[in-house]
Amino acid sequence: MAAGLTIREARSAVGTMRKVAARLAVEGTPGRSHSGRAKARDCRRYTPAEVAVIATAYRSRKPAYKVLAANLVRAGLVAAA
């Protein structure tokens, strides 16, 4: 949503990026996601460098998703420097 996408679009893009991460064998670290009163869920936490690798391999058709991927790569490179 911070990238200007709707919730549905953001979920779609992130779901596809998770598939790309699995294909690239980028593991991340296991974690727990707590959201208010909701039940805690298992999650994976990725470093900015890992996110940059995933976003580089991510290929999308929508221009908004391409902008999202470019921003993630840029943020990962800045954090790694």
C-alpha atoms as a PDB file:
ATOM      1  CA  MET A   1       0.000   0.000   0.000  1.00  0.00           C
ATOM      2  CA  ALA A   2       2.919   2.334   0.634  1.00  0.00           C
ATOM      3  CA  ALA A   3       3.929   1.801  -2.998  1.00  0.00           C
ATOM      4  CA  GLY A   4       0.585   3.160  -4.191  1.00  0.00           C
ATOM      5  CA  LEU A   5      -1.005  -0.251  -4.771  1.00  0.00           C
ATOM      6  CA  THR A   6      -4.360  -1.427  -3.518  1.00  0.00           C
ATOM      7  CA  ILE A   7      -4.417  -4.184  -0.930  1.00  0.00           C
ATOM      8  CA  ARG A   8      -5.428  -6.727  -3.561  1.00  0.00           C
ATOM      9  CA  GLU A   9      -2.614  -5.697  -5.919  1.00  0.00           C
ATOM     10  CA  ALA A  10      -0.036  -5.702  -3.121  1.00  0.00           C
ATOM     11  CA  ARG A  11      -1.068  -9.195  -2.019  1.00  0.00           C
ATOM     12  CA  SER A  12      -0.853 -10.434  -5.596  1.00  0.00           C
ATOM     13  CA  ALA A  13       2.625  -8.999  -6.117  1.00  0.00           C
ATOM     14  CA  VAL A  14       3.942 -10.287  -2.786  1.00  0.00           C
ATOM     15  CA  GLY A  15       2.496 -13.752  -3.401  1.00  0.00           C
ATOM     16  CA  THR A  16       4.293 -13.938  -6.716  1.00  0.00           C
ATOM     17  CA  MET A  17       7.505 -12.717  -5.095  1.00  0.00           C
ATOM     18  CA  ARG A  18       7.218 -15.514  -2.540  1.00  0.00           C
ATOM     19  CA  LYS A  19       7.067 -17.993  -5.420  1.00  0.00           C
ATOM     20  CA  VAL A  20      10.148 -16.381  -6.957  1.00  0.00           C
ATOM     21  CA  ALA A  21      11.946 -16.628  -3.598  1.00  0.00           C
ATOM     22  CA  ALA A  22      11.163 -20.343  -3.403  1.00  0.00           C
ATOM     23  CA  ARG A  23      12.365 -20.853  -6.976  1.00  0.00           C
ATOM     24  CA  LEU A  24      15.629 -19.034  -6.206  1.00  0.00           C
ATOM     25  CA  ALA A  25      16.021 -20.943  -2.908  1.00  0.00           C
ATOM     26  CA  VAL A  26      16.118 -17.703  -0.900  1.00  0.00           C
ATOM     27  CA  GLU A  27      15.196 -18.940   2.564  1.00  0.00           C
ATOM     28  CA  GLY A  28      14.997 -15.904   4.821  1.00  0.00           C
ATOM     29  CA  THR A  29      14.681 -16.480   8.543  1.00  0.00           C
ATOM     30  CA  PRO A  30      11.616 -17.976  10.191  1.00  0.00           C
ATOM     31  CA  GLY A  31       9.564 -15.636  12.339  1.00  0.00           C
ATOM     32  CA  ARG A  32       6.168 -15.047  13.921  1.00  0.00           C
ATOM     33  CA  SER A  33       3.782 -12.329  12.772  1.00  0.00           C
ATOM     34  CA  HIS A  34       1.611 -10.765  15.477  1.00  0.00           C
ATOM     35  CA  SER A  35      -1.190  -8.467  14.393  1.00  0.00           C
ATOM     36  CA  GLY A  36      -3.202  -6.990  17.219  1.00  0.00           C
ATOM     37  CA  ARG A  37      -5.649  -9.509  18.625  1.00  0.00           C
ATOM     38  CA  ALA A  38      -5.348 -11.852  15.659  1.00  0.00           C
ATOM     39  CA  LYS A  39      -3.710 -15.240  15.979  1.00  0.00           C
ATOM     40  CA  ALA A  40       0.064 -15.230  15.462  1.00  0.00           C
ATOM     41  CA  ARG A  41       1.153 -16.636  12.107  1.00  0.00           C
ATOM     42  CA  ASP A  42       4.412 -18.113  10.877  1.00  0.00           C
ATOM     43  CA  CYS A  43       6.271 -15.938   8.392  1.00  0.00           C
ATOM     44  CA  ARG A  44       9.637 -15.542   6.682  1.00  0.00           C
ATOM     45  CA  ARG A  45      11.750 -12.438   7.199  1.00  0.00           C
ATOM     46  CA  TYR A  46      14.082 -11.375   4.412  1.00  0.00           C
ATOM     47  CA  THR A  47      17.070  -9.045   4.573  1.00  0.00           C
ATOM     48  CA  PRO A  48      17.087  -6.028   2.249  1.00  0.00           C
ATOM     49  CA  ALA A  49      19.740  -7.757   0.108  1.00  0.00           C
ATOM     50  CA  GLU A  50      17.552 -10.876  -0.236  1.00  0.00           C
ATOM     51  CA  VAL A  51      14.568  -8.711  -1.171  1.00  0.00           C
ATOM     52  CA  ALA A  52      16.679  -7.022  -3.856  1.00  0.00           C
ATOM     53  CA  VAL A  53      17.616 -10.423  -5.323  1.00  0.00           C
ATOM     54  CA  ILE A  54      13.976 -11.540  -5.337  1.00  0.00           C
ATOM     55  CA  ALA A  55      12.753  -8.274  -6.863  1.00  0.00           C
ATOM     56  CA  THR A  56      15.421  -8.458  -9.579  1.00  0.00           C
ATOM     57  CA  ALA A  57      14.191 -11.891 -10.657  1.00  0.00           C
ATOM     58  CA  TYR A  58      10.519 -10.830 -10.397  1.00  0.00           C
ATOM     59  CA  ARG A  59       8.978 -10.279 -13.823  1.00  0.00           C
ATOM     60  CA  SER A  60       5.585  -8.626 -14.009  1.00  0.00           C
ATOM     61  CA  ARG A  61       3.329  -7.266 -16.720  1.00  0.00           C
ATOM     62  CA  LYS A  62       1.678  -4.397 -14.871  1.00  0.00           C
ATOM     63  CA  PRO A  63       3.607  -1.126 -14.861  1.00  0.00           C
ATOM     64  CA  ALA A  64       2.726  -0.512 -11.193  1.00  0.00           C
ATOM     65  CA  TYR A  65       4.274  -3.859 -10.232  1.00  0.00           C
ATOM     66  CA  LYS A  66       7.421  -3.013 -12.211  1.00  0.00           C
ATOM     67  CA  VAL A  67       7.723   0.236 -10.272  1.00  0.00           C
ATOM     68  CA  LEU A  68       7.290  -1.683  -7.020  1.00  0.00           C
ATOM     69  CA  ALA A  69      10.057  -4.134  -7.968  1.00  0.00           C
ATOM     70  CA  ALA A  70      12.392  -1.291  -8.983  1.00  0.00           C
ATOM     71  CA  ASN A  71      11.800   0.466  -5.661  1.00  0.00           C
ATOM     72  CA  LEU A  72      12.532  -2.742  -3.733  1.00  0.00           C
ATOM     73  CA  VAL A  73      15.777  -3.281  -5.640  1.00  0.00           C
ATOM     74  CA  ARG A  74      16.821   0.319  -5.046  1.00  0.00           C
ATOM     75  CA  ALA A  75      16.026   0.087  -1.317  1.00  0.00           C
ATOM     76  CA  GLY A  76      17.919  -3.192  -1.007  1.00  0.00           C
ATOM     77  CA  LEU A  77      21.004  -1.762  -2.674  1.00  0.00           C
ATOM     78  CA  VAL A  78      20.951   1.341  -0.497  1.00  0.00           C
ATOM     79  CA  ALA A  79      20.625  -0.749   2.672  1.00  0.00           C
ATOM     80  CA  ALA A  80      23.431  -3.087   1.602  1.00  0.00           C
ATOM     81  CA  ALA A  81      25.851  -0.206   0.970  1.00  0.00           C
END
